[in-house]
Amino acid sequence: MKNWSGFLLAVVVALIFALVGFYYLVPNVYHPFSADTLDHTTPHLKPAALFLALAVLTVIIGRFVRPSPKA
């Protein structure tokens, strides 16, 4: 039986992944888990792409766990 809690969890996790993905695209902001050894402030495309892809994947998973409307 499908319930709304799995769908809402998928939406929240997708939102967090999307925010972290956009965070890694912002220049002149400290990026803690980057490979830049000097100042960690340049935009990083690979982690951003990874987190945005995870956000899309989570939305797709959320679509499958969403309960169907009752007819």
Protein backbone atom coordinates (compact mmCIF):
# COMPACT_ATOMS: atom_id res chain seq x y z
CA MET A 1 0.00 0.00 0.00
CA LYS A 2 1.39 3.36 -1.01
CA ASN A 3 1.11 6.35 1.28
CA TRP A 4 1.85 10.06 1.09
CA SER A 5 4.80 10.00 3.50
CA GLY A 6 7.13 8.38 0.95
CA PHE A 7 6.11 10.92 -1.68
CA LEU A 8 6.63 13.87 0.66
CA LEU A 9 10.00 12.50 1.76
CA ALA A 10 11.05 12.23 -1.89
CA VAL A 11 10.00 15.84 -2.51
CA VAL A 12 11.96 17.11 0.51
CA VAL A 13 15.08 15.13 -0.42
CA ALA A 14 14.84 16.33 -4.04
CA LEU A 15 14.59 19.92 -2.83
CA ILE A 16 17.67 19.48 -0.63
CA PHE A 17 19.65 17.93 -3.51
CA ALA A 18 18.61 20.78 -5.83
CA LEU A 19 19.61 23.44 -3.31
CA VAL A 20 23.02 21.83 -2.74
CA GLY A 21 23.47 21.52 -6.51
CA PHE A 22 22.79 25.21 -7.04
CA TYR A 23 25.01 26.06 -4.06
CA TYR A 24 28.00 24.49 -5.82
CA LEU A 25 27.33 26.71 -8.86
CA VAL A 26 27.54 29.98 -6.91
CA PRO A 27 30.95 31.67 -7.32
CA ASN A 28 32.90 33.32 -4.47
CA VAL A 29 31.22 31.19 -1.80
CA TYR A 30 33.06 28.61 0.29
CA HIS A 31 32.41 25.06 -0.98
CA PRO A 32 33.47 22.67 1.79
CA PHE A 33 33.78 19.37 -0.10
CA SER A 34 35.53 20.56 -3.23
CA ALA A 35 38.89 19.55 -4.68
CA ASP A 36 40.02 23.17 -5.02
CA THR A 37 42.98 23.32 -2.62
CA LEU A 38 43.55 27.06 -2.45
CA ASP A 39 40.37 28.85 -1.45
CA HIS A 40 37.39 26.56 -2.29
CA THR A 41 35.44 29.47 -3.87
CA THR A 42 35.25 28.63 -7.58
CA PRO A 43 32.07 27.10 -9.02
CA HIS A 44 32.27 23.31 -9.33
CA LEU A 45 30.34 21.75 -12.19
CA LYS A 46 30.79 18.04 -11.44
CA PRO A 47 29.36 18.09 -7.88
CA ALA A 48 26.59 20.44 -9.04
CA ALA A 49 25.67 18.12 -11.90
CA LEU A 50 25.75 15.14 -9.55
CA PHE A 51 23.42 16.74 -7.01
CA LEU A 52 21.05 18.01 -9.70
CA ALA A 53 20.94 14.54 -11.26
CA LEU A 54 20.17 13.09 -7.83
CA ALA A 55 17.35 15.62 -7.47
CA VAL A 56 15.84 14.53 -10.79
CA LEU A 57 16.21 10.86 -9.85
CA THR A 58 14.50 11.51 -6.52
CA VAL A 59 11.59 13.25 -8.27
CA ILE A 60 11.22 10.23 -10.57
CA ILE A 61 11.24 7.88 -7.58
CA GLY A 62 8.71 10.11 -5.84
CA ARG A 63 6.44 9.80 -8.85
CA PHE A 64 6.44 6.02 -8.49
CA VAL A 65 5.74 5.99 -4.75
CA ARG A 66 2.91 8.52 -4.96
CA PRO A 67 -0.47 6.94 -4.26
CA SER A 68 -2.90 6.97 -7.16
CA PRO A 69 -6.00 9.13 -6.83
CA LYS A 70 -9.16 7.25 -5.97
CA ALA A 71 -11.64 7.13 -8.85
